[in-house]
Amino acid sequence: MERKGIIAAGNMLVDHVHQIRQWPERGWLVEIVHSERATGGAPLNVLLTLAKMHAGLPLQAVGLIGEDNDGD
């Protein structure tokens, strides 16, 4: 039986990216001017890169969905 493709398993995350105007001094607060969520985690980054390279291989991700706000 010949196998083809790549399966990536591991921590697949949601990155919370916040843009600020300046780096705060220690103990100070800073205004967040823009926020966004993006996919992250090593397995997903590998698969996304392979997909962009048009590797011609079937790609699969294996992971679990967490029981938190991002997993809902």
Protein backbone atom coordinates (compact mmCIF):
# COMPACT_ATOMS: atom_id res chain seq x y z
CA MET A 1 0.00 0.00 0.00
CA GLU A 2 1.49 3.28 -1.11
CA ARG A 3 0.92 6.30 1.12
CA LYS A 4 0.98 9.86 -0.09
CA GLY A 5 0.49 13.09 1.75
CA ILE A 6 1.42 14.83 4.95
CA ILE A 7 -0.38 14.81 8.29
CA ALA A 8 0.60 17.48 10.81
CA ALA A 9 -0.45 17.08 14.44
CA GLY A 10 0.20 19.14 17.51
CA ASN A 11 -0.77 22.45 19.07
CA MET A 12 -2.93 24.49 16.72
CA LEU A 13 -3.59 27.86 18.24
CA VAL A 14 -5.45 31.11 17.83
CA ASP A 15 -3.03 34.03 17.96
CA HIS A 16 -4.39 37.27 19.41
CA VAL A 17 -2.46 40.09 17.74
CA HIS A 18 -2.75 43.58 19.23
CA GLN A 19 -1.36 46.73 17.63
CA ILE A 20 -0.26 49.49 20.01
CA ARG A 21 1.00 53.02 19.37
CA GLN A 22 4.02 52.75 21.65
CA TRP A 23 5.72 50.27 23.95
CA PRO A 24 4.57 50.96 27.54
CA GLU A 25 6.92 51.76 30.35
CA ARG A 26 7.08 49.15 33.10
CA GLY A 27 3.87 49.19 35.15
CA TRP A 28 2.00 51.44 32.70
CA LEU A 29 -0.96 50.70 30.46
CA VAL A 30 -1.12 51.34 26.73
CA GLU A 31 -3.98 51.80 24.27
CA ILE A 32 -4.65 48.93 21.84
CA VAL A 33 -5.50 50.55 18.49
CA HIS A 34 -6.28 47.37 16.54
CA SER A 35 -6.86 43.69 17.39
CA GLU A 36 -7.22 40.62 15.24
CA ARG A 37 -7.19 36.86 15.59
CA ALA A 38 -5.15 34.61 13.33
CA THR A 39 -4.34 30.93 13.03
CA GLY A 40 -1.13 29.77 14.62
CA GLY A 41 0.85 26.84 15.91
CA ALA A 42 3.66 24.91 14.25
CA PRO A 43 1.60 22.15 12.54
CA LEU A 44 -0.80 24.60 10.95
CA ASN A 45 2.01 26.93 9.86
CA VAL A 46 3.76 24.01 8.14
CA LEU A 47 0.60 22.96 6.30
CA LEU A 48 -0.20 26.52 5.21
CA THR A 49 3.33 26.96 3.88
CA LEU A 50 3.17 23.65 1.97
CA ALA A 51 -0.20 24.65 0.51
CA LYS A 52 1.26 27.97 -0.70
CA MET A 53 4.15 26.05 -2.30
CA HIS A 54 1.66 23.93 -4.28
CA ALA A 55 3.50 20.79 -3.15
CA GLY A 56 0.95 18.56 -4.90
CA LEU A 57 0.48 16.39 -1.81
CA PRO A 58 -2.69 15.82 0.21
CA LEU A 59 -2.44 17.76 3.47
CA GLN A 60 -4.28 16.92 6.71
CA ALA A 61 -4.34 18.53 10.14
CA VAL A 62 -4.99 16.56 13.33
CA GLY A 63 -5.83 18.29 16.58
CA LEU A 64 -8.39 18.85 19.31
CA ILE A 65 -10.67 21.82 19.89
CA GLY A 66 -10.28 23.41 23.30
CA GLU A 67 -13.11 24.27 25.65
CA ASP A 68 -12.53 28.02 25.78
CA ASN A 69 -13.77 31.14 23.97
CA ASP A 70 -11.63 30.43 20.91
CA GLY A 71 -12.78 26.81 20.71
CA ASP A 72 -16.47 27.65 20.78
